[in-house]
Amino acid sequence: MRLVRSACGFGVINALAIVAAAQTADIGITKTHFQGPPDPFIPPGGNIVYTIFVSNSGPSSAANVVFSDPLPSNTTFVSLSIFSPGWVSTTPAVGATGTVTSTTLSLVSGATVALSLVVKVDASVPGGSNITNTASVSSGTTDPNPGNNAATDITPLLSLPVQVPTLDTRASALLALALAGSAMFILQRK
């Protein structure tokens, strides 16, 4: 805010006015999933661990910041961790679907907050599918760059081919002979 002094008319009449300078805060969000060794794929029925960063590039503090993450299709909520004080969260019950929402009254310029969201993939989802998740952040302060207020992560699911071991005719015959020979040996010893 700045003070502006103006003179009116012919005398010593001064008016004092307070003019508010416009405040802006460039808030943004990034989102990735954990890719563990040796394979970056998540199996159906496994957990996806999302790492999310909410930041304020300023120049002002961002007021009433809201993080929102509708859980992706074919997943259920497991847990949410926020690594900064002052945030209040609403989550679905463990094992349920819904939207995760976290809010804070203020995020100062230059601050970055880390969140960890864990969801469980339904075991019935076919391997080779993708789980797509988009999270967003908003603020009550004017944002000069709204293009970085949403982030999407695509997680590929591991495709496990089902292989039933089979024996060809010759291997089956050899196995049958070996088992029969073992049975004969055991019977003769008794």
C-alpha atoms as a PDB file:
ATOM      1  CA  MET A   1       0.000   0.000   0.000  1.00  0.00           C
ATOM      2  CA  ARG A   2       1.109   3.543  -0.566  1.00  0.00           C
ATOM      3  CA  LEU A   3      -0.082   6.911   0.704  1.00  0.00           C
ATOM      4  CA  VAL A   4      -1.110   9.535  -1.801  1.00  0.00           C
ATOM      5  CA  ARG A   5      -1.485  13.160  -0.783  1.00  0.00           C
ATOM      6  CA  SER A   6      -3.512  15.512  -2.974  1.00  0.00           C
ATOM      7  CA  ALA A   7      -4.491  19.126  -2.729  1.00  0.00           C
ATOM      8  CA  CYS A   8      -7.993  20.299  -3.567  1.00  0.00           C
ATOM      9  CA  GLY A   9      -9.183  23.785  -4.295  1.00  0.00           C
ATOM     10  CA  PHE A  10      -7.605  27.012  -3.063  1.00  0.00           C
ATOM     11  CA  GLY A  11      -6.678  26.351   0.468  1.00  0.00           C
ATOM     12  CA  VAL A  12      -4.811  24.024   2.617  1.00  0.00           C
ATOM     13  CA  ILE A  13      -7.253  21.205   2.216  1.00  0.00           C
ATOM     14  CA  ASN A  14      -5.375  17.952   1.868  1.00  0.00           C
ATOM     15  CA  ALA A  15      -6.947  14.575   1.348  1.00  0.00           C
ATOM     16  CA  LEU A  16      -5.188  11.423   2.337  1.00  0.00           C
ATOM     17  CA  ALA A  17      -6.006   8.375   0.240  1.00  0.00           C
ATOM     18  CA  ILE A  18      -4.774   4.824   0.574  1.00  0.00           C
ATOM     19  CA  VAL A  19      -4.220   3.092  -2.726  1.00  0.00           C
ATOM     20  CA  ALA A  20      -3.726  -0.673  -2.631  1.00  0.00           C
ATOM     21  CA  ALA A  21      -1.124  -2.073  -4.959  1.00  0.00           C
ATOM     22  CA  ALA A  22      -2.302  -5.171  -6.811  1.00  0.00           C
ATOM     23  CA  GLN A  23      -0.778  -8.321  -5.346  1.00  0.00           C
ATOM     24  CA  THR A  24      -0.012 -11.351  -7.504  1.00  0.00           C
ATOM     25  CA  ALA A  25       1.333 -14.792  -6.706  1.00  0.00           C
ATOM     26  CA  ASP A  26       2.417 -17.330  -9.306  1.00  0.00           C
ATOM     27  CA  ILE A  27       1.405 -20.612  -7.693  1.00  0.00           C
ATOM     28  CA  GLY A  28       2.167 -23.848  -9.482  1.00  0.00           C
ATOM     29  CA  ILE A  29       2.114 -27.618  -9.111  1.00  0.00           C
ATOM     30  CA  THR A  30       4.164 -30.595 -10.306  1.00  0.00           C
ATOM     31  CA  LYS A  31       3.311 -34.274  -9.919  1.00  0.00           C
ATOM     32  CA  THR A  32       5.201 -37.512 -10.556  1.00  0.00           C
ATOM     33  CA  HIS A  33       4.913 -41.116  -9.415  1.00  0.00           C
ATOM     34  CA  PHE A  34       7.659 -43.117  -7.759  1.00  0.00           C
ATOM     35  CA  GLN A  35       9.481 -45.362 -10.195  1.00  0.00           C
ATOM     36  CA  GLY A  36      11.204 -48.073  -8.253  1.00  0.00           C
ATOM     37  CA  PRO A  37      13.917 -50.376  -9.420  1.00  0.00           C
ATOM     38  CA  PRO A  38      14.131 -52.504 -11.379  1.00  0.00           C
ATOM     39  CA  ASP A  39      10.945 -51.603 -13.234  1.00  0.00           C
ATOM     40  CA  PRO A  40       9.049 -48.307 -13.503  1.00  0.00           C
ATOM     41  CA  PHE A  41       5.737 -50.139 -13.887  1.00  0.00           C
ATOM     42  CA  ILE A  42       3.173 -50.690 -11.122  1.00  0.00           C
ATOM     43  CA  PRO A  43       1.390 -54.066 -11.022  1.00  0.00           C
ATOM     44  CA  PRO A  44      -2.425 -54.226 -10.943  1.00  0.00           C
ATOM     45  CA  GLY A  45      -3.364 -54.381  -7.249  1.00  0.00           C
ATOM     46  CA  GLY A  46      -0.221 -52.405  -6.314  1.00  0.00           C
ATOM     47  CA  ASN A  47       0.174 -48.915  -4.864  1.00  0.00           C
ATOM     48  CA  ILE A  48       1.074 -45.760  -6.767  1.00  0.00           C
ATOM     49  CA  VAL A  49       3.050 -43.233  -4.705  1.00  0.00           C
ATOM     50  CA  TYR A  50       2.634 -39.715  -6.118  1.00  0.00           C
ATOM     51  CA  THR A  51       5.072 -36.959  -5.174  1.00  0.00           C
ATOM     52  CA  ILE A  52       3.493 -33.516  -5.509  1.00  0.00           C
ATOM     53  CA  PHE A  53       5.065 -30.090  -5.103  1.00  0.00           C
ATOM     54  CA  VAL A  54       2.962 -26.943  -4.634  1.00  0.00           C
ATOM     55  CA  SER A  55       4.989 -23.759  -4.994  1.00  0.00           C
ATOM     56  CA  ASN A  56       4.622 -19.996  -4.976  1.00  0.00           C
ATOM     57  CA  SER A  57       7.006 -18.112  -7.266  1.00  0.00           C
ATOM     58  CA  GLY A  58       5.666 -14.775  -5.983  1.00  0.00           C
ATOM     59  CA  PRO A  59       6.098 -11.936  -5.987  1.00  0.00           C
ATOM     60  CA  SER A  60       3.477 -11.839  -3.179  1.00  0.00           C
ATOM     61  CA  SER A  61       2.175 -14.375  -0.704  1.00  0.00           C
ATOM     62  CA  ALA A  62      -0.710 -16.469  -2.016  1.00  0.00           C
ATOM     63  CA  ALA A  63      -3.850 -16.356   0.133  1.00  0.00           C
ATOM     64  CA  ASN A  64      -6.296 -19.233   0.622  1.00  0.00           C
ATOM     65  CA  VAL A  65      -4.374 -21.831  -1.367  1.00  0.00           C
ATOM     66  CA  VAL A  66      -6.358 -24.955  -2.337  1.00  0.00           C
ATOM     67  CA  PHE A  67      -4.813 -28.224  -3.563  1.00  0.00           C
ATOM     68  CA  SER A  68      -7.329 -30.610  -5.171  1.00  0.00           C
ATOM     69  CA  ASP A  69      -6.761 -34.129  -6.484  1.00  0.00           C
ATOM     70  CA  PRO A  70      -9.682 -36.261  -7.685  1.00  0.00           C
ATOM     71  CA  LEU A  71      -8.456 -39.858  -7.371  1.00  0.00           C
ATOM     72  CA  PRO A  72      -8.042 -41.560 -10.737  1.00  0.00           C
ATOM     73  CA  SER A  73     -10.483 -44.181 -11.979  1.00  0.00           C
ATOM     74  CA  ASN A  74      -9.773 -47.732 -10.829  1.00  0.00           C
ATOM     75  CA  THR A  75      -7.945 -46.588  -7.672  1.00  0.00           C
ATOM     76  CA  THR A  76      -8.772 -46.108  -3.989  1.00  0.00           C
ATOM     77  CA  PHE A  77      -7.286 -43.868  -1.313  1.00  0.00           C
ATOM     78  CA  VAL A  78      -4.472 -45.182   0.920  1.00  0.00           C
ATOM     79  CA  SER A  79      -2.766 -42.143   2.515  1.00  0.00           C
ATOM     80  CA  LEU A  80      -1.771 -38.478   2.254  1.00  0.00           C
ATOM     81  CA  SER A  81       1.261 -36.818   3.876  1.00  0.00           C
ATOM     82  CA  ILE A  82       1.990 -33.084   3.779  1.00  0.00           C
ATOM     83  CA  PHE A  83       5.495 -32.047   4.757  1.00  0.00           C
ATOM     84  CA  SER A  84       4.650 -28.528   5.972  1.00  0.00           C
ATOM     85  CA  PRO A  85       2.597 -27.209   8.891  1.00  0.00           C
ATOM     86  CA  GLY A  86      -0.543 -25.138   8.440  1.00  0.00           C
ATOM     87  CA  TRP A  87      -2.390 -27.309   5.928  1.00  0.00           C
ATOM     88  CA  VAL A  88      -5.844 -28.792   6.567  1.00  0.00           C
ATOM     89  CA  SER A  89      -6.868 -31.828   4.488  1.00  0.00           C
ATOM     90  CA  THR A  90     -10.039 -33.697   3.631  1.00  0.00           C
ATOM     91  CA  THR A  91      -9.589 -37.197   2.202  1.00  0.00           C
ATOM     92  CA  PRO A  92     -11.761 -40.168   1.296  1.00  0.00           C
ATOM     93  CA  ALA A  93     -11.758 -43.051   3.756  1.00  0.00           C
ATOM     94  CA  VAL A  94      -9.001 -45.623   3.243  1.00  0.00           C
ATOM     95  CA  GLY A  95     -10.180 -47.964   0.482  1.00  0.00           C
ATOM     96  CA  ALA A  96     -12.700 -45.443  -0.903  1.00  0.00           C
ATOM     97  CA  THR A  97     -12.761 -43.195  -3.972  1.00  0.00           C
ATOM     98  CA  GLY A  98     -13.238 -39.431  -4.037  1.00  0.00           C
ATOM     99  CA  THR A  99     -11.235 -36.210  -3.998  1.00  0.00           C
ATOM    100  CA  VAL A 100      -8.314 -35.207  -1.789  1.00  0.00           C
ATOM    101  CA  THR A 101      -8.396 -31.515  -0.826  1.00  0.00           C
ATOM    102  CA  SER A 102      -5.843 -29.581   1.221  1.00  0.00           C
ATOM    103  CA  THR A 103      -5.926 -25.886   2.086  1.00  0.00           C
ATOM    104  CA  THR A 104      -3.745 -23.298   3.790  1.00  0.00           C
ATOM    105  CA  LEU A 105      -4.436 -19.662   4.599  1.00  0.00           C
ATOM    106  CA  SER A 106      -1.158 -18.438   3.112  1.00  0.00           C
ATOM    107  CA  LEU A 107       1.788 -19.680   1.077  1.00  0.00           C
ATOM    108  CA  VAL A 108       4.638 -17.168   1.193  1.00  0.00           C
ATOM    109  CA  SER A 109       6.558 -16.148  -1.902  1.00  0.00           C
ATOM    110  CA  GLY A 110       9.384 -18.587  -2.643  1.00  0.00           C
ATOM    111  CA  ALA A 111       7.835 -21.444  -0.633  1.00  0.00           C
ATOM    112  CA  THR A 112       7.438 -25.010  -1.892  1.00  0.00           C
ATOM    113  CA  VAL A 113       5.390 -27.658  -0.095  1.00  0.00           C
ATOM    114  CA  ALA A 114       5.847 -31.405  -0.696  1.00  0.00           C
ATOM    115  CA  LEU A 115       2.933 -33.848  -0.542  1.00  0.00           C
ATOM    116  CA  SER A 116       2.862 -37.619  -0.875  1.00  0.00           C
ATOM    117  CA  LEU A 117      -0.358 -39.261  -2.037  1.00  0.00           C
ATOM    118  CA  VAL A 118      -0.700 -43.050  -2.135  1.00  0.00           C
ATOM    119  CA  VAL A 119      -3.492 -44.817  -4.046  1.00  0.00           C
ATOM    120  CA  LYS A 120      -4.145 -48.522  -4.577  1.00  0.00           C
ATOM    121  CA  VAL A 121      -4.828 -49.782  -8.089  1.00  0.00           C
ATOM    122  CA  ASP A 122      -7.759 -52.189  -8.385  1.00  0.00           C
ATOM    123  CA  ALA A 123      -6.468 -55.713  -8.995  1.00  0.00           C
ATOM    124  CA  SER A 124      -9.006 -56.130 -11.809  1.00  0.00           C
ATOM    125  CA  VAL A 125      -7.363 -53.440 -13.976  1.00  0.00           C
ATOM    126  CA  PRO A 126      -5.708 -55.147 -16.936  1.00  0.00           C
ATOM    127  CA  GLY A 127      -1.925 -55.040 -17.069  1.00  0.00           C
ATOM    128  CA  GLY A 128      -0.604 -52.754 -19.775  1.00  0.00           C
ATOM    129  CA  SER A 129      -3.216 -50.076 -18.919  1.00  0.00           C
ATOM    130  CA  ASN A 130      -2.379 -46.536 -17.805  1.00  0.00           C
ATOM    131  CA  ILE A 131      -3.608 -44.754 -14.679  1.00  0.00           C
ATOM    132  CA  THR A 132      -3.952 -41.014 -15.387  1.00  0.00           C
ATOM    133  CA  ASN A 133      -4.189 -38.540 -12.512  1.00  0.00           C
ATOM    134  CA  THR A 134      -4.506 -34.746 -12.614  1.00  0.00           C
ATOM    135  CA  ALA A 135      -4.132 -32.475  -9.583  1.00  0.00           C
ATOM    136  CA  SER A 136      -4.623 -28.722  -9.421  1.00  0.00           C
ATOM    137  CA  VAL A 137      -3.888 -25.767  -7.174  1.00  0.00           C
ATOM    138  CA  SER A 138      -5.661 -22.421  -6.879  1.00  0.00           C
ATOM    139  CA  SER A 139      -5.453 -19.306  -4.743  1.00  0.00           C
ATOM    140  CA  GLY A 140      -7.481 -16.266  -3.751  1.00  0.00           C
ATOM    141  CA  THR A 141      -4.588 -14.088  -4.960  1.00  0.00           C
ATOM    142  CA  THR A 142      -4.366 -13.120  -8.639  1.00  0.00           C
ATOM    143  CA  ASP A 143      -2.120 -15.566 -10.496  1.00  0.00           C
ATOM    144  CA  PRO A 144      -0.202 -14.093 -13.451  1.00  0.00           C
ATOM    145  CA  ASN A 145       0.588 -17.584 -14.796  1.00  0.00           C
ATOM    146  CA  PRO A 146      -2.408 -19.950 -14.459  1.00  0.00           C
ATOM    147  CA  GLY A 147      -0.868 -22.345 -17.004  1.00  0.00           C
ATOM    148  CA  ASN A 148       1.122 -24.121 -14.269  1.00  0.00           C
ATOM    149  CA  ASN A 149      -1.820 -24.645 -11.894  1.00  0.00           C
ATOM    150  CA  ALA A 150      -2.500 -28.259 -12.960  1.00  0.00           C
ATOM    151  CA  ALA A 151      -0.259 -31.292 -13.343  1.00  0.00           C
ATOM    152  CA  THR A 152      -0.979 -34.716 -14.851  1.00  0.00           C
ATOM    153  CA  ASP A 153       0.873 -37.964 -14.251  1.00  0.00           C
ATOM    154  CA  ILE A 154       0.437 -41.111 -16.344  1.00  0.00           C
ATOM    155  CA  THR A 155       1.444 -44.347 -14.631  1.00  0.00           C
ATOM    156  CA  PRO A 156       1.863 -47.460 -16.806  1.00  0.00           C
ATOM    157  CA  LEU A 157       0.701 -50.721 -15.240  1.00  0.00           C
ATOM    158  CA  LEU A 158       2.889 -53.776 -15.480  1.00  0.00           C
ATOM    159  CA  SER A 159       1.677 -56.293 -18.010  1.00  0.00           C
ATOM    160  CA  LEU A 160       2.338 -59.764 -16.702  1.00  0.00           C
ATOM    161  CA  PRO A 161       1.722 -62.386 -19.340  1.00  0.00           C
ATOM    162  CA  VAL A 162       0.076 -65.458 -17.853  1.00  0.00           C
ATOM    163  CA  GLN A 163       2.172 -68.429 -18.798  1.00  0.00           C
ATOM    164  CA  VAL A 164       1.000 -71.889 -17.945  1.00  0.00           C
ATOM    165  CA  PRO A 165       3.895 -74.319 -17.998  1.00  0.00           C
ATOM    166  CA  THR A 166       3.301 -77.147 -20.427  1.00  0.00           C
ATOM    167  CA  LEU A 167       5.286 -80.236 -21.263  1.00  0.00           C
ATOM    168  CA  ASP A 168       5.553 -81.692 -24.709  1.00  0.00           C
ATOM    169  CA  THR A 169       4.694 -85.372 -25.204  1.00  0.00           C
ATOM    170  CA  ARG A 170       8.238 -86.643 -24.791  1.00  0.00           C
ATOM    171  CA  ALA A 171       8.841 -84.619 -21.596  1.00  0.00           C
ATOM    172  CA  SER A 172       5.522 -85.820 -20.189  1.00  0.00           C
ATOM    173  CA  ALA A 173       6.482 -89.439 -20.892  1.00  0.00           C
ATOM    174  CA  LEU A 174       9.900 -88.986 -19.257  1.00  0.00           C
ATOM    175  CA  LEU A 175       8.320 -87.358 -16.219  1.00  0.00           C
ATOM    176  CA  ALA A 176       5.789 -90.205 -15.939  1.00  0.00           C
ATOM    177  CA  LEU A 177       8.595 -92.796 -16.158  1.00  0.00           C
ATOM    178  CA  ALA A 178      10.650 -90.964 -13.532  1.00  0.00           C
ATOM    179  CA  LEU A 179       7.686 -90.731 -11.162  1.00  0.00           C
ATOM    180  CA  ALA A 180       6.799 -94.392 -11.736  1.00  0.00           C
ATOM    181  CA  GLY A 181      10.408 -95.423 -11.112  1.00  0.00           C
ATOM    182  CA  SER A 182      10.483 -93.405  -7.884  1.00  0.00           C
ATOM    183  CA  ALA A 183       7.241 -94.976  -6.745  1.00  0.00           C
ATOM    184  CA  MET A 184       8.573 -98.480  -7.497  1.00  0.00           C
ATOM    185  CA  PHE A 185      11.751 -97.754  -5.578  1.00  0.00           C
ATOM    186  CA  ILE A 186       9.787 -96.511  -2.556  1.00  0.00           C
ATOM    187  CA  LEU A 187       7.453 -99.527  -2.637  1.00  0.00           C
ATOM    188  CA  GLN A 188      10.361-101.987  -2.875  1.00  0.00           C
ATOM    189  CA  ARG A 189      12.085-100.438   0.149  1.00  0.00           C
ATOM    190  CA  LYS A 190       9.039-101.021   2.361  1.00  0.00           C
END
